[in-house]
Amino acid sequence: MILEHTTIKEVANRARVSTATVSRILSGKHCHRSTTVETVRRAIEELRSAGPVLTGFESAAPESVGIVMFAYRDFLNSSYNATLATAIMETLTAEDFSAQFIALSSKRLSIDYIESLVREHRLKGLLIPEFDMLYTVSEQLAKLPIPVVCIGNLAETGLRYSVCADNVSAGRDAANYLWSRGHRRFGIVTMSRSDICQAQRTAGFLETLRELGGAPEQVMIREYRSLNDSVSGVISALANMQERPTALFSTNSLMSQKLIAGAAAVGIRVPEELSLLSFEENNELLYMPVPVSAIRQPTRELGETAVRMLINLIRGLAVPEHEVLNCSLVSRSSVAKRNE
């Protein structure tokens, strides 16, 4: 658990041992040499002057927070979810917190069910990687008697505290980059814009295109509810166009991988005939037959920042209500330079 005013990490740093060593000693697992145990005890005593610390070596136990995610098929297999969950768990572990995964299905999307889990597991706070299905309970989550931090979206969710990427700027950066490479005919392939992040990326792209002198009303936009049907329709439309877009902006990395494969299947060459810029960088984009350029989302940083915000709220410390992290461009070979 978090030592009151003093963390296990602080004790470990002062004693020059690992956090795992401190945790084992505090929990009464005396499997260490007496000199190590004494060093840890002395470190705690030295830190005591800065505030009260845990006094019972035998009573320490990790405090727990909940990670609420909407569960769909293979939801932890996506690069974003897997990276985010790993960053959250690593940061919680470093602060000696444990976590309870709360995977919600559409049948269990209720505040009463979440409240029952909060009571059952004595959760100190909740982390919520947002998806559009969770918006239906987000305002009620904000009324829980424990801190709640949303990952992914700003205050539109109804939650007070949030950490997100700058999705509008990501869309703007995508438009500026493709325009600078000489492209003037565009397509956007996006997941449902009922998801705030998807809508913001698309809006940023179209707004910037208008500022650059382009025609946003002529942009081919294909919007899909599910990744399962997000390639065949787009690829079929592109294959049958007499004057197709020269560049696509895909707002999802899994969708980008499927677009590359689909284009190859119908003989559309990337990037010679169609350039592709993806959002949400993952390592798999680097190893596609054509390495895919991307607007990189700071996924690990989102998880780490959200955990630190939540822990500070649990400790009663003041934190900013919203943290917005910047995305960055990763330029590879999937975007060709054109002279139109």
C-alpha atoms as a PDB file:
ATOM      1  CA  MET A   1       0.000   0.000   0.000  1.00  0.00           C
ATOM      2  CA  ILE A   2       1.003   3.642  -0.127  1.00  0.00           C
ATOM      3  CA  LEU A   3       2.704   4.584   3.113  1.00  0.00           C
ATOM      4  CA  GLU A   4       0.940   7.565   4.618  1.00  0.00           C
ATOM      5  CA  HIS A   5       2.886  10.576   3.283  1.00  0.00           C
ATOM      6  CA  THR A   6       5.817   8.273   2.477  1.00  0.00           C
ATOM      7  CA  THR A   7       5.863   5.758  -0.358  1.00  0.00           C
ATOM      8  CA  ILE A   8       7.604   2.414  -0.522  1.00  0.00           C
ATOM      9  CA  LYS A   9       9.570   3.835  -3.444  1.00  0.00           C
ATOM     10  CA  GLU A  10      10.943   6.609  -1.208  1.00  0.00           C
ATOM     11  CA  VAL A  11      11.927   4.077   1.443  1.00  0.00           C
ATOM     12  CA  ALA A  12      13.587   1.888  -1.199  1.00  0.00           C
ATOM     13  CA  ASN A  13      15.549   4.837  -2.602  1.00  0.00           C
ATOM     14  CA  ARG A  14      16.793   5.849   0.833  1.00  0.00           C
ATOM     15  CA  ALA A  15      17.691   2.278   1.819  1.00  0.00           C
ATOM     16  CA  ARG A  16      19.177   1.587  -1.646  1.00  0.00           C
ATOM     17  CA  VAL A  17      17.157  -1.587  -2.103  1.00  0.00           C
ATOM     18  CA  SER A  18      14.354  -2.541  -4.480  1.00  0.00           C
ATOM     19  CA  THR A  19      10.694  -1.699  -3.852  1.00  0.00           C
ATOM     20  CA  ALA A  20      10.010  -5.458  -3.854  1.00  0.00           C
ATOM     21  CA  THR A  21      12.466  -5.883  -0.961  1.00  0.00           C
ATOM     22  CA  VAL A  22      10.748  -3.145   1.059  1.00  0.00           C
ATOM     23  CA  SER A  23       7.330  -4.634   0.291  1.00  0.00           C
ATOM     24  CA  ARG A  24       8.365  -8.106   1.461  1.00  0.00           C
ATOM     25  CA  ILE A  25       9.854  -6.775   4.680  1.00  0.00           C
ATOM     26  CA  LEU A  26       6.780  -4.633   5.415  1.00  0.00           C
ATOM     27  CA  SER A  27       4.495  -7.613   4.854  1.00  0.00           C
ATOM     28  CA  GLY A  28       6.436  -9.678   7.372  1.00  0.00           C
ATOM     29  CA  LYS A  29       8.228 -11.946   4.908  1.00  0.00           C
ATOM     30  CA  HIS A  30      11.592 -11.877   6.677  1.00  0.00           C
ATOM     31  CA  CYS A  31      13.569 -13.712   4.020  1.00  0.00           C
ATOM     32  CA  HIS A  32      16.310 -11.092   4.007  1.00  0.00           C
ATOM     33  CA  ARG A  33      19.455 -10.696   6.010  1.00  0.00           C
ATOM     34  CA  SER A  34      19.063  -8.894   9.302  1.00  0.00           C
ATOM     35  CA  THR A  35      21.281  -6.072   8.046  1.00  0.00           C
ATOM     36  CA  THR A  36      18.891  -5.462   5.116  1.00  0.00           C
ATOM     37  CA  VAL A  37      15.859  -5.457   7.395  1.00  0.00           C
ATOM     38  CA  GLU A  38      17.602  -3.025   9.738  1.00  0.00           C
ATOM     39  CA  THR A  39      18.542  -0.750   6.818  1.00  0.00           C
ATOM     40  CA  VAL A  40      14.912  -0.572   5.721  1.00  0.00           C
ATOM     41  CA  ARG A  41      13.701   0.080   9.279  1.00  0.00           C
ATOM     42  CA  ARG A  42      16.249   2.876   9.640  1.00  0.00           C
ATOM     43  CA  ALA A  43      15.147   4.433   6.331  1.00  0.00           C
ATOM     44  CA  ILE A  44      11.551   4.510   7.540  1.00  0.00           C
ATOM     45  CA  GLU A  45      12.582   6.104  10.832  1.00  0.00           C
ATOM     46  CA  GLU A  46      14.566   8.776   8.978  1.00  0.00           C
ATOM     47  CA  LEU A  47      11.598   9.542   6.734  1.00  0.00           C
ATOM     48  CA  ARG A  48       9.209   9.644   9.696  1.00  0.00           C
ATOM     49  CA  SER A  49      10.220  13.221  10.453  1.00  0.00           C
ATOM     50  CA  ALA A  50       8.624  14.329   7.181  1.00  0.00           C
ATOM     51  CA  GLY A  51       5.293  12.843   8.234  1.00  0.00           C
ATOM     52  CA  PRO A  52       3.706   9.707   9.679  1.00  0.00           C
ATOM     53  CA  VAL A  53       4.512   6.415   8.024  1.00  0.00           C
ATOM     54  CA  LEU A  54       3.194   2.904   8.316  1.00  0.00           C
ATOM     55  CA  THR A  55       4.144   1.602  11.749  1.00  0.00           C
ATOM     56  CA  GLY A  56       3.133  -2.053  11.586  1.00  0.00           C
ATOM     57  CA  PHE A  57       5.561  -4.104   9.506  1.00  0.00           C
ATOM     58  CA  GLU A  58       3.185  -7.023   9.542  1.00  0.00           C
ATOM     59  CA  SER A  59       0.063  -5.143   8.400  1.00  0.00           C
ATOM     60  CA  ALA A  60       1.081  -3.687   5.038  1.00  0.00           C
ATOM     61  CA  ALA A  61      -0.983  -4.684   2.000  1.00  0.00           C
ATOM     62  CA  PRO A  62      -1.325  -3.131  -1.462  1.00  0.00           C
ATOM     63  CA  GLU A  63      -4.126  -0.655  -1.973  1.00  0.00           C
ATOM     64  CA  SER A  64      -6.188  -1.293  -5.065  1.00  0.00           C
ATOM     65  CA  VAL A  65      -7.671   0.766  -7.891  1.00  0.00           C
ATOM     66  CA  GLY A  66     -10.060  -0.323 -10.622  1.00  0.00           C
ATOM     67  CA  ILE A  67      -9.382  -0.213 -14.364  1.00  0.00           C
ATOM     68  CA  VAL A  68     -12.724   0.001 -16.157  1.00  0.00           C
ATOM     69  CA  MET A  69     -12.691  -1.031 -19.819  1.00  0.00           C
ATOM     70  CA  PHE A  70     -15.460  -1.830 -22.263  1.00  0.00           C
ATOM     71  CA  ALA A  71     -14.944  -5.445 -23.323  1.00  0.00           C
ATOM     72  CA  TYR A  72     -15.330  -6.405 -26.949  1.00  0.00           C
ATOM     73  CA  ARG A  73     -13.824  -9.376 -28.748  1.00  0.00           C
ATOM     74  CA  ASP A  74     -10.016  -9.457 -28.333  1.00  0.00           C
ATOM     75  CA  PHE A  75     -10.083  -5.975 -26.797  1.00  0.00           C
ATOM     76  CA  LEU A  76      -6.738  -6.515 -25.061  1.00  0.00           C
ATOM     77  CA  ASN A  77      -5.090  -7.658 -28.302  1.00  0.00           C
ATOM     78  CA  SER A  78      -5.080  -4.192 -29.832  1.00  0.00           C
ATOM     79  CA  SER A  79      -1.755  -2.397 -29.619  1.00  0.00           C
ATOM     80  CA  TYR A  80      -3.325   0.643 -27.955  1.00  0.00           C
ATOM     81  CA  ASN A  81      -5.139  -1.289 -25.227  1.00  0.00           C
ATOM     82  CA  ALA A  82      -2.221  -3.624 -24.552  1.00  0.00           C
ATOM     83  CA  THR A  83       0.307  -0.784 -24.361  1.00  0.00           C
ATOM     84  CA  LEU A  84      -1.982   1.333 -22.193  1.00  0.00           C
ATOM     85  CA  ALA A  85      -2.774  -1.516 -19.793  1.00  0.00           C
ATOM     86  CA  THR A  86       0.923  -2.401 -19.481  1.00  0.00           C
ATOM     87  CA  ALA A  87       1.892   1.201 -18.707  1.00  0.00           C
ATOM     88  CA  ILE A  88      -0.869   1.457 -16.107  1.00  0.00           C
ATOM     89  CA  MET A  89       0.101  -1.784 -14.378  1.00  0.00           C
ATOM     90  CA  GLU A  90       3.826  -0.985 -14.347  1.00  0.00           C
ATOM     91  CA  THR A  91       3.236   2.476 -12.881  1.00  0.00           C
ATOM     92  CA  LEU A  92       0.816   1.166 -10.256  1.00  0.00           C
ATOM     93  CA  THR A  93       3.264  -1.568  -9.269  1.00  0.00           C
ATOM     94  CA  ALA A  94       6.100   0.932  -8.897  1.00  0.00           C
ATOM     95  CA  GLU A  95       3.895   2.845  -6.436  1.00  0.00           C
ATOM     96  CA  ASP A  96       2.906  -0.408  -4.671  1.00  0.00           C
ATOM     97  CA  PHE A  97      -0.720  -0.327  -5.770  1.00  0.00           C
ATOM     98  CA  SER A  98      -2.614  -3.326  -7.085  1.00  0.00           C
ATOM     99  CA  ALA A  99      -5.372  -3.228  -9.704  1.00  0.00           C
ATOM    100  CA  GLN A 100      -8.704  -4.857 -10.427  1.00  0.00           C
ATOM    101  CA  PHE A 101      -9.679  -5.116 -14.087  1.00  0.00           C
ATOM    102  CA  ILE A 102     -13.362  -4.364 -14.591  1.00  0.00           C
ATOM    103  CA  ALA A 103     -14.300  -5.494 -18.110  1.00  0.00           C
ATOM    104  CA  LEU A 104     -17.793  -4.246 -18.909  1.00  0.00           C
ATOM    105  CA  SER A 105     -20.035  -5.797 -21.527  1.00  0.00           C
ATOM    106  CA  SER A 106     -23.091  -4.072 -22.955  1.00  0.00           C
ATOM    107  CA  LYS A 107     -25.214  -6.185 -20.569  1.00  0.00           C
ATOM    108  CA  ARG A 108     -23.305  -4.942 -17.519  1.00  0.00           C
ATOM    109  CA  LEU A 109     -22.958  -1.311 -18.492  1.00  0.00           C
ATOM    110  CA  SER A 110     -24.523   0.031 -15.299  1.00  0.00           C
ATOM    111  CA  ILE A 111     -23.366   2.268 -12.493  1.00  0.00           C
ATOM    112  CA  ASP A 112     -24.914  -0.089  -9.911  1.00  0.00           C
ATOM    113  CA  TYR A 113     -22.682  -2.944 -11.055  1.00  0.00           C
ATOM    114  CA  ILE A 114     -19.573  -0.752 -10.945  1.00  0.00           C
ATOM    115  CA  GLU A 115     -20.496   0.549  -7.484  1.00  0.00           C
ATOM    116  CA  SER A 116     -20.860  -3.008  -6.202  1.00  0.00           C
ATOM    117  CA  LEU A 117     -17.341  -3.843  -7.429  1.00  0.00           C
ATOM    118  CA  VAL A 118     -15.941  -0.685  -5.823  1.00  0.00           C
ATOM    119  CA  ARG A 119     -17.396  -1.797  -2.476  1.00  0.00           C
ATOM    120  CA  GLU A 120     -16.441  -5.466  -2.889  1.00  0.00           C
ATOM    121  CA  HIS A 121     -12.794  -4.764  -3.692  1.00  0.00           C
ATOM    122  CA  ARG A 122     -12.528  -1.632  -1.522  1.00  0.00           C
ATOM    123  CA  LEU A 123     -11.189   0.315  -4.471  1.00  0.00           C
ATOM    124  CA  LYS A 124      -9.535   3.650  -3.739  1.00  0.00           C
ATOM    125  CA  GLY A 125     -10.049   5.059  -7.242  1.00  0.00           C
ATOM    126  CA  LEU A 126     -10.956   4.244 -10.842  1.00  0.00           C
ATOM    127  CA  LEU A 127      -9.104   4.603 -14.148  1.00  0.00           C
ATOM    128  CA  ILE A 128     -11.334   4.619 -17.226  1.00  0.00           C
ATOM    129  CA  PRO A 129      -9.864   4.278 -20.725  1.00  0.00           C
ATOM    130  CA  GLU A 130     -12.833   5.832 -22.541  1.00  0.00           C
ATOM    131  CA  PHE A 131     -14.802   4.397 -25.428  1.00  0.00           C
ATOM    132  CA  ASP A 132     -18.072   5.734 -26.738  1.00  0.00           C
ATOM    133  CA  MET A 133     -20.105   2.974 -25.042  1.00  0.00           C
ATOM    134  CA  LEU A 134     -18.898   4.167 -21.632  1.00  0.00           C
ATOM    135  CA  TYR A 135     -20.206   7.698 -22.124  1.00  0.00           C
ATOM    136  CA  THR A 136     -23.632   6.492 -21.019  1.00  0.00           C
ATOM    137  CA  VAL A 137     -22.432   6.042 -17.428  1.00  0.00           C
ATOM    138  CA  SER A 138     -19.607   8.580 -17.258  1.00  0.00           C
ATOM    139  CA  GLU A 139     -21.638  11.329 -15.562  1.00  0.00           C
ATOM    140  CA  GLN A 140     -22.761   8.854 -12.900  1.00  0.00           C
ATOM    141  CA  LEU A 141     -19.175   7.664 -12.400  1.00  0.00           C
ATOM    142  CA  ALA A 142     -18.217  11.243 -11.592  1.00  0.00           C
ATOM    143  CA  LYS A 143     -20.549  11.073  -8.572  1.00  0.00           C
ATOM    144  CA  LEU A 144     -18.776   8.108  -6.972  1.00  0.00           C
ATOM    145  CA  PRO A 145     -17.169   8.852  -3.572  1.00  0.00           C
ATOM    146  CA  ILE A 146     -13.716   7.906  -4.896  1.00  0.00           C
ATOM    147  CA  PRO A 147     -11.486   9.696  -7.453  1.00  0.00           C
ATOM    148  CA  VAL A 148     -12.113   8.820 -11.103  1.00  0.00           C
ATOM    149  CA  VAL A 149      -9.670   9.618 -13.933  1.00  0.00           C
ATOM    150  CA  CYS A 150     -10.632   9.228 -17.578  1.00  0.00           C
ATOM    151  CA  ILE A 151      -7.976   8.325 -20.163  1.00  0.00           C
ATOM    152  CA  GLY A 152      -8.613   9.397 -23.719  1.00  0.00           C
ATOM    153  CA  ASN A 153     -11.111  12.239 -23.720  1.00  0.00           C
ATOM    154  CA  LEU A 154     -11.623  15.681 -22.257  1.00  0.00           C
ATOM    155  CA  ALA A 155     -14.510  17.010 -20.192  1.00  0.00           C
ATOM    156  CA  GLU A 156     -17.131  16.031 -22.798  1.00  0.00           C
ATOM    157  CA  THR A 157     -17.418  12.729 -20.920  1.00  0.00           C
ATOM    158  CA  GLY A 158     -18.808  14.383 -17.801  1.00  0.00           C
ATOM    159  CA  LEU A 159     -15.813  13.286 -15.725  1.00  0.00           C
ATOM    160  CA  ARG A 160     -13.872  15.971 -13.917  1.00  0.00           C
ATOM    161  CA  TYR A 161     -10.352  14.562 -14.302  1.00  0.00           C
ATOM    162  CA  SER A 162      -8.893  13.357 -17.585  1.00  0.00           C
ATOM    163  CA  VAL A 163      -5.705  12.666 -19.494  1.00  0.00           C
ATOM    164  CA  CYS A 164      -5.797  12.649 -23.280  1.00  0.00           C
ATOM    165  CA  ALA A 165      -3.825  13.120 -26.458  1.00  0.00           C
ATOM    166  CA  ASP A 166      -4.374  16.309 -28.447  1.00  0.00           C
ATOM    167  CA  ASN A 167      -6.570  14.675 -31.068  1.00  0.00           C
ATOM    168  CA  VAL A 168      -7.547  17.901 -32.827  1.00  0.00           C
ATOM    169  CA  SER A 169      -3.890  18.817 -33.323  1.00  0.00           C
ATOM    170  CA  ALA A 170      -3.213  15.259 -34.494  1.00  0.00           C
ATOM    171  CA  GLY A 171      -5.769  15.728 -37.283  1.00  0.00           C
ATOM    172  CA  ARG A 172      -4.308  19.121 -38.114  1.00  0.00           C
ATOM    173  CA  ASP A 173      -0.782  17.680 -38.266  1.00  0.00           C
ATOM    174  CA  ALA A 174      -2.006  14.926 -40.591  1.00  0.00           C
ATOM    175  CA  ALA A 175      -3.532  17.432 -43.017  1.00  0.00           C
ATOM    176  CA  ASN A 176      -0.478  19.695 -42.943  1.00  0.00           C
ATOM    177  CA  TYR A 177       1.890  16.792 -43.592  1.00  0.00           C
ATOM    178  CA  LEU A 178      -0.059  15.344 -46.520  1.00  0.00           C
ATOM    179  CA  TRP A 179      -0.524  18.821 -48.025  1.00  0.00           C
ATOM    180  CA  SER A 180       3.207  19.523 -47.703  1.00  0.00           C
ATOM    181  CA  ARG A 181       3.872  16.324 -49.651  1.00  0.00           C
ATOM    182  CA  GLY A 182       1.874  17.682 -52.576  1.00  0.00           C
ATOM    183  CA  HIS A 183      -1.432  15.854 -52.049  1.00  0.00           C
ATOM    184  CA  ARG A 184      -4.681  17.629 -52.894  1.00  0.00           C
ATOM    185  CA  ARG A 185      -7.232  14.792 -53.064  1.00  0.00           C
ATOM    186  CA  PHE A 186      -7.903  13.112 -49.725  1.00  0.00           C
ATOM    187  CA  GLY A 187      -9.829  10.371 -48.022  1.00  0.00           C
ATOM    188  CA  ILE A 188     -10.435   9.755 -44.303  1.00  0.00           C
ATOM    189  CA  VAL A 189     -11.167   6.283 -42.970  1.00  0.00           C
ATOM    190  CA  THR A 190     -12.378   6.478 -39.384  1.00  0.00           C
ATOM    191  CA  MET A 191     -14.159   4.552 -36.702  1.00  0.00           C
ATOM    192  CA  SER A 192     -17.531   5.916 -35.607  1.00  0.00           C
ATOM    193  CA  ARG A 193     -17.404   9.619 -34.869  1.00  0.00           C
ATOM    194  CA  SER A 194     -19.714   9.034 -31.914  1.00  0.00           C
ATOM    195  CA  ASP A 195     -16.342   8.371 -30.281  1.00  0.00           C
ATOM    196  CA  ILE A 196     -15.073  11.817 -29.313  1.00  0.00           C
ATOM    197  CA  CYS A 197     -11.435  11.097 -30.199  1.00  0.00           C
ATOM    198  CA  GLN A 198     -12.304   9.919 -33.704  1.00  0.00           C
ATOM    199  CA  ALA A 199     -14.502  12.962 -34.269  1.00  0.00           C
ATOM    200  CA  GLN A 200     -11.760  15.337 -33.081  1.00  0.00           C
ATOM    201  CA  ARG A 201      -9.130  13.863 -35.425  1.00  0.00           C
ATOM    202  CA  THR A 202     -11.461  14.160 -38.391  1.00  0.00           C
ATOM    203  CA  ALA A 203     -12.540  17.692 -37.458  1.00  0.00           C
ATOM    204  CA  GLY A 204      -8.927  18.845 -37.066  1.00  0.00           C
ATOM    205  CA  PHE A 205      -8.039  17.435 -40.480  1.00  0.00           C
ATOM    206  CA  LEU A 206     -10.975  19.056 -42.292  1.00  0.00           C
ATOM    207  CA  GLU A 207     -10.557  22.402 -40.546  1.00  0.00           C
ATOM    208  CA  THR A 208      -6.877  22.601 -41.495  1.00  0.00           C
ATOM    209  CA  LEU A 209      -7.576  21.528 -45.053  1.00  0.00           C
ATOM    210  CA  ARG A 210      -9.958  24.459 -45.416  1.00  0.00           C
ATOM    211  CA  GLU A 211      -7.333  26.838 -44.007  1.00  0.00           C
ATOM    212  CA  LEU A 212      -4.791  25.533 -46.530  1.00  0.00           C
ATOM    213  CA  GLY A 213      -7.118  26.319 -49.429  1.00  0.00           C
ATOM    214  CA  GLY A 214      -8.388  22.781 -49.966  1.00  0.00           C
ATOM    215  CA  ALA A 215     -11.955  21.549 -50.302  1.00  0.00           C
ATOM    216  CA  PRO A 216     -13.023  19.581 -47.208  1.00  0.00           C
ATOM    217  CA  GLU A 217     -16.451  18.949 -48.736  1.00  0.00           C
ATOM    218  CA  GLN A 218     -14.727  16.875 -51.446  1.00  0.00           C
ATOM    219  CA  VAL A 219     -12.901  14.607 -48.982  1.00  0.00           C
ATOM    220  CA  MET A 220     -14.014  10.974 -49.221  1.00  0.00           C
ATOM    221  CA  ILE A 221     -15.016   9.979 -45.661  1.00  0.00           C
ATOM    222  CA  ARG A 222     -15.800   6.395 -44.709  1.00  0.00           C
ATOM    223  CA  GLU A 223     -16.958   5.816 -41.154  1.00  0.00           C
ATOM    224  CA  TYR A 224     -17.255   2.360 -39.603  1.00  0.00           C
ATOM    225  CA  ARG A 225     -18.694   1.035 -36.384  1.00  0.00           C
ATOM    226  CA  SER A 226     -16.584  -2.129 -36.416  1.00  0.00           C
ATOM    227  CA  LEU A 227     -13.089  -2.993 -37.609  1.00  0.00           C
ATOM    228  CA  ASN A 228     -14.552  -6.149 -39.130  1.00  0.00           C
ATOM    229  CA  ASP A 229     -16.211  -4.237 -41.969  1.00  0.00           C
ATOM    230  CA  SER A 230     -13.762  -1.356 -42.330  1.00  0.00           C
ATOM    231  CA  VAL A 231     -11.773  -2.480 -45.371  1.00  0.00           C
ATOM    232  CA  SER A 232     -13.875  -4.161 -48.015  1.00  0.00           C
ATOM    233  CA  GLY A 233     -16.134  -1.173 -48.627  1.00  0.00           C
ATOM    234  CA  VAL A 234     -13.304   1.365 -48.771  1.00  0.00           C
ATOM    235  CA  ILE A 235     -11.097  -0.776 -51.002  1.00  0.00           C
ATOM    236  CA  SER A 236     -13.963  -1.564 -53.361  1.00  0.00           C
ATOM    237  CA  ALA A 237     -14.824   2.130 -53.655  1.00  0.00           C
ATOM    238  CA  LEU A 238     -11.201   3.116 -54.308  1.00  0.00           C
ATOM    239  CA  ALA A 239     -10.736   0.405 -56.920  1.00  0.00           C
ATOM    240  CA  ASN A 240     -13.759   1.644 -58.893  1.00  0.00           C
ATOM    241  CA  MET A 241     -13.053   5.389 -58.745  1.00  0.00           C
ATOM    242  CA  GLN A 242     -11.874   7.110 -61.883  1.00  0.00           C
ATOM    243  CA  GLU A 243     -10.235   9.852 -59.815  1.00  0.00           C
ATOM    244  CA  ARG A 244      -9.493   8.417 -56.419  1.00  0.00           C
ATOM    245  CA  PRO A 245      -7.847  10.233 -53.500  1.00  0.00           C
ATOM    246  CA  THR A 246      -4.070  10.269 -53.660  1.00  0.00           C
ATOM    247  CA  ALA A 247      -3.766  10.060 -49.868  1.00  0.00           C
ATOM    248  CA  LEU A 248      -5.743   8.462 -47.041  1.00  0.00           C
ATOM    249  CA  PHE A 249      -5.697   9.411 -43.375  1.00  0.00           C
ATOM    250  CA  SER A 250      -6.645   6.393 -41.249  1.00  0.00           C
ATOM    251  CA  THR A 251      -7.566   7.221 -37.647  1.00  0.00           C
ATOM    252  CA  ASN A 252      -6.846   3.728 -36.295  1.00  0.00           C
ATOM    253  CA  SER A 253      -3.694   1.606 -36.634  1.00  0.00           C
ATOM    254  CA  LEU A 254      -5.474  -1.749 -36.979  1.00  0.00           C
ATOM    255  CA  MET A 255      -7.549  -0.238 -39.763  1.00  0.00           C
ATOM    256  CA  SER A 256      -4.349   0.987 -41.436  1.00  0.00           C
ATOM    257  CA  GLN A 257      -2.910  -2.533 -41.490  1.00  0.00           C
ATOM    258  CA  LYS A 258      -6.067  -3.849 -43.141  1.00  0.00           C
ATOM    259  CA  LEU A 259      -6.046  -1.019 -45.683  1.00  0.00           C
ATOM    260  CA  ILE A 260      -2.483  -1.884 -46.748  1.00  0.00           C
ATOM    261  CA  ALA A 261      -3.426  -5.536 -47.235  1.00  0.00           C
ATOM    262  CA  GLY A 262      -6.681  -4.656 -49.021  1.00  0.00           C
ATOM    263  CA  ALA A 263      -4.984  -2.247 -51.421  1.00  0.00           C
ATOM    264  CA  ALA A 264      -2.427  -4.892 -52.356  1.00  0.00           C
ATOM    265  CA  ALA A 265      -5.194  -7.436 -52.970  1.00  0.00           C
ATOM    266  CA  VAL A 266      -6.837  -5.264 -55.655  1.00  0.00           C
ATOM    267  CA  GLY A 267      -3.571  -4.052 -57.196  1.00  0.00           C
ATOM    268  CA  ILE A 268      -3.478  -0.515 -55.772  1.00  0.00           C
ATOM    269  CA  ARG A 269       0.178   0.279 -55.120  1.00  0.00           C
ATOM    270  CA  VAL A 270       1.167   2.040 -51.901  1.00  0.00           C
ATOM    271  CA  PRO A 271       2.554   4.707 -52.014  1.00  0.00           C
ATOM    272  CA  GLU A 272       2.852   5.090 -55.828  1.00  0.00           C
ATOM    273  CA  GLU A 273      -0.921   5.199 -56.419  1.00  0.00           C
ATOM    274  CA  LEU A 274      -2.215   5.749 -52.901  1.00  0.00           C
ATOM    275  CA  SER A 275      -0.399   7.205 -49.903  1.00  0.00           C
ATOM    276  CA  LEU A 276      -1.420   6.191 -46.387  1.00  0.00           C
ATOM    277  CA  LEU A 277      -0.938   8.068 -43.112  1.00  0.00           C
ATOM    278  CA  SER A 278      -2.084   6.384 -39.922  1.00  0.00           C
ATOM    279  CA  PHE A 279      -2.923   7.587 -36.447  1.00  0.00           C
ATOM    280  CA  GLU A 280      -2.003   5.626 -33.309  1.00  0.00           C
ATOM    281  CA  GLU A 281       1.482   4.321 -34.030  1.00  0.00           C
ATOM    282  CA  ASN A 282       2.302   0.751 -33.102  1.00  0.00           C
ATOM    283  CA  ASN A 283       5.374  -1.306 -33.874  1.00  0.00           C
ATOM    284  CA  GLU A 284       3.487  -3.432 -36.388  1.00  0.00           C
ATOM    285  CA  LEU A 285       3.191  -0.463 -38.763  1.00  0.00           C
ATOM    286  CA  LEU A 286       6.964  -0.400 -39.087  1.00  0.00           C
ATOM    287  CA  TYR A 287       7.029  -3.990 -40.331  1.00  0.00           C
ATOM    288  CA  MET A 288       4.249  -3.821 -42.916  1.00  0.00           C
ATOM    289  CA  PRO A 289       5.252  -4.560 -46.553  1.00  0.00           C
ATOM    290  CA  VAL A 290       5.321  -0.770 -46.892  1.00  0.00           C
ATOM    291  CA  PRO A 291       6.337   0.816 -43.537  1.00  0.00           C
ATOM    292  CA  VAL A 292       3.457   3.106 -42.593  1.00  0.00           C
ATOM    293  CA  SER A 293       3.879   6.772 -41.646  1.00  0.00           C
ATOM    294  CA  ALA A 294       1.938   7.700 -38.528  1.00  0.00           C
ATOM    295  CA  ILE A 295       0.848  10.406 -36.148  1.00  0.00           C
ATOM    296  CA  ARG A 296       2.149   8.748 -32.993  1.00  0.00           C
ATOM    297  CA  GLN A 297      -0.083   8.795 -29.949  1.00  0.00           C
ATOM    298  CA  PRO A 298       1.820   8.886 -26.617  1.00  0.00           C
ATOM    299  CA  THR A 299       0.052   5.788 -25.332  1.00  0.00           C
ATOM    300  CA  ARG A 300       2.459   4.812 -22.556  1.00  0.00           C
ATOM    301  CA  GLU A 301       2.619   8.401 -21.356  1.00  0.00           C
ATOM    302  CA  LEU A 302      -1.192   8.520 -21.191  1.00  0.00           C
ATOM    303  CA  GLY A 303      -1.272   5.542 -18.836  1.00  0.00           C
ATOM    304  CA  GLU A 304       1.607   6.759 -16.668  1.00  0.00           C
ATOM    305  CA  THR A 305       0.206  10.297 -16.350  1.00  0.00           C
ATOM    306  CA  ALA A 306      -3.281   9.042 -15.490  1.00  0.00           C
ATOM    307  CA  VAL A 307      -1.962   6.749 -12.737  1.00  0.00           C
ATOM    308  CA  ARG A 308       0.058   9.548 -11.149  1.00  0.00           C
ATOM    309  CA  MET A 309      -2.961  11.865 -11.297  1.00  0.00           C
ATOM    310  CA  LEU A 310      -5.161   9.257  -9.620  1.00  0.00           C
ATOM    311  CA  ILE A 311      -2.642   8.465  -6.884  1.00  0.00           C
ATOM    312  CA  ASN A 312      -2.249  12.164  -6.083  1.00  0.00           C
ATOM    313  CA  LEU A 313      -6.029  12.497  -5.858  1.00  0.00           C
ATOM    314  CA  ILE A 314      -6.149   9.504  -3.494  1.00  0.00           C
ATOM    315  CA  ARG A 315      -3.502  11.214  -1.367  1.00  0.00           C
ATOM    316  CA  GLY A 316      -5.553  14.385  -1.293  1.00  0.00           C
ATOM    317  CA  LEU A 317      -3.090  16.398  -3.352  1.00  0.00           C
ATOM    318  CA  ALA A 318      -4.085  19.107  -5.821  1.00  0.00           C
ATOM    319  CA  VAL A 319      -3.815  18.131  -9.491  1.00  0.00           C
ATOM    320  CA  PRO A 320      -4.805  19.825 -12.765  1.00  0.00           C
ATOM    321  CA  GLU A 321      -8.208  18.658 -13.943  1.00  0.00           C
ATOM    322  CA  HIS A 322      -7.010  17.930 -17.475  1.00  0.00           C
ATOM    323  CA  GLU A 323      -3.667  16.869 -18.929  1.00  0.00           C
ATOM    324  CA  VAL A 324      -3.314  17.060 -22.729  1.00  0.00           C
ATOM    325  CA  LEU A 325      -0.310  15.295 -24.282  1.00  0.00           C
ATOM    326  CA  ASN A 326       1.141  16.029 -27.710  1.00  0.00           C
ATOM    327  CA  CYS A 327       1.295  13.565 -30.586  1.00  0.00           C
ATOM    328  CA  SER A 328       4.266  13.364 -32.973  1.00  0.00           C
ATOM    329  CA  LEU A 329       4.864  12.556 -36.636  1.00  0.00           C
ATOM    330  CA  VAL A 330       6.721   9.394 -37.625  1.00  0.00           C
ATOM    331  CA  SER A 331       7.606   9.662 -41.325  1.00  0.00           C
ATOM    332  CA  ARG A 332       8.150   6.428 -43.250  1.00  0.00           C
ATOM    333  CA  SER A 333       7.712   5.325 -46.845  1.00  0.00           C
ATOM    334  CA  SER A 334       3.903   5.012 -47.140  1.00  0.00           C
ATOM    335  CA  VAL A 335       3.461   8.673 -48.089  1.00  0.00           C
ATOM    336  CA  ALA A 336       4.813   9.641 -51.479  1.00  0.00           C
ATOM    337  CA  LYS A 337       5.701  13.164 -52.566  1.00  0.00           C
ATOM    338  CA  ARG A 338       3.556  14.408 -55.454  1.00  0.00           C
ATOM    339  CA  ASN A 339       3.753  17.319 -57.838  1.00  0.00           C
ATOM    340  CA  GLU A 340       0.216  18.286 -58.694  1.00  0.00           C
END
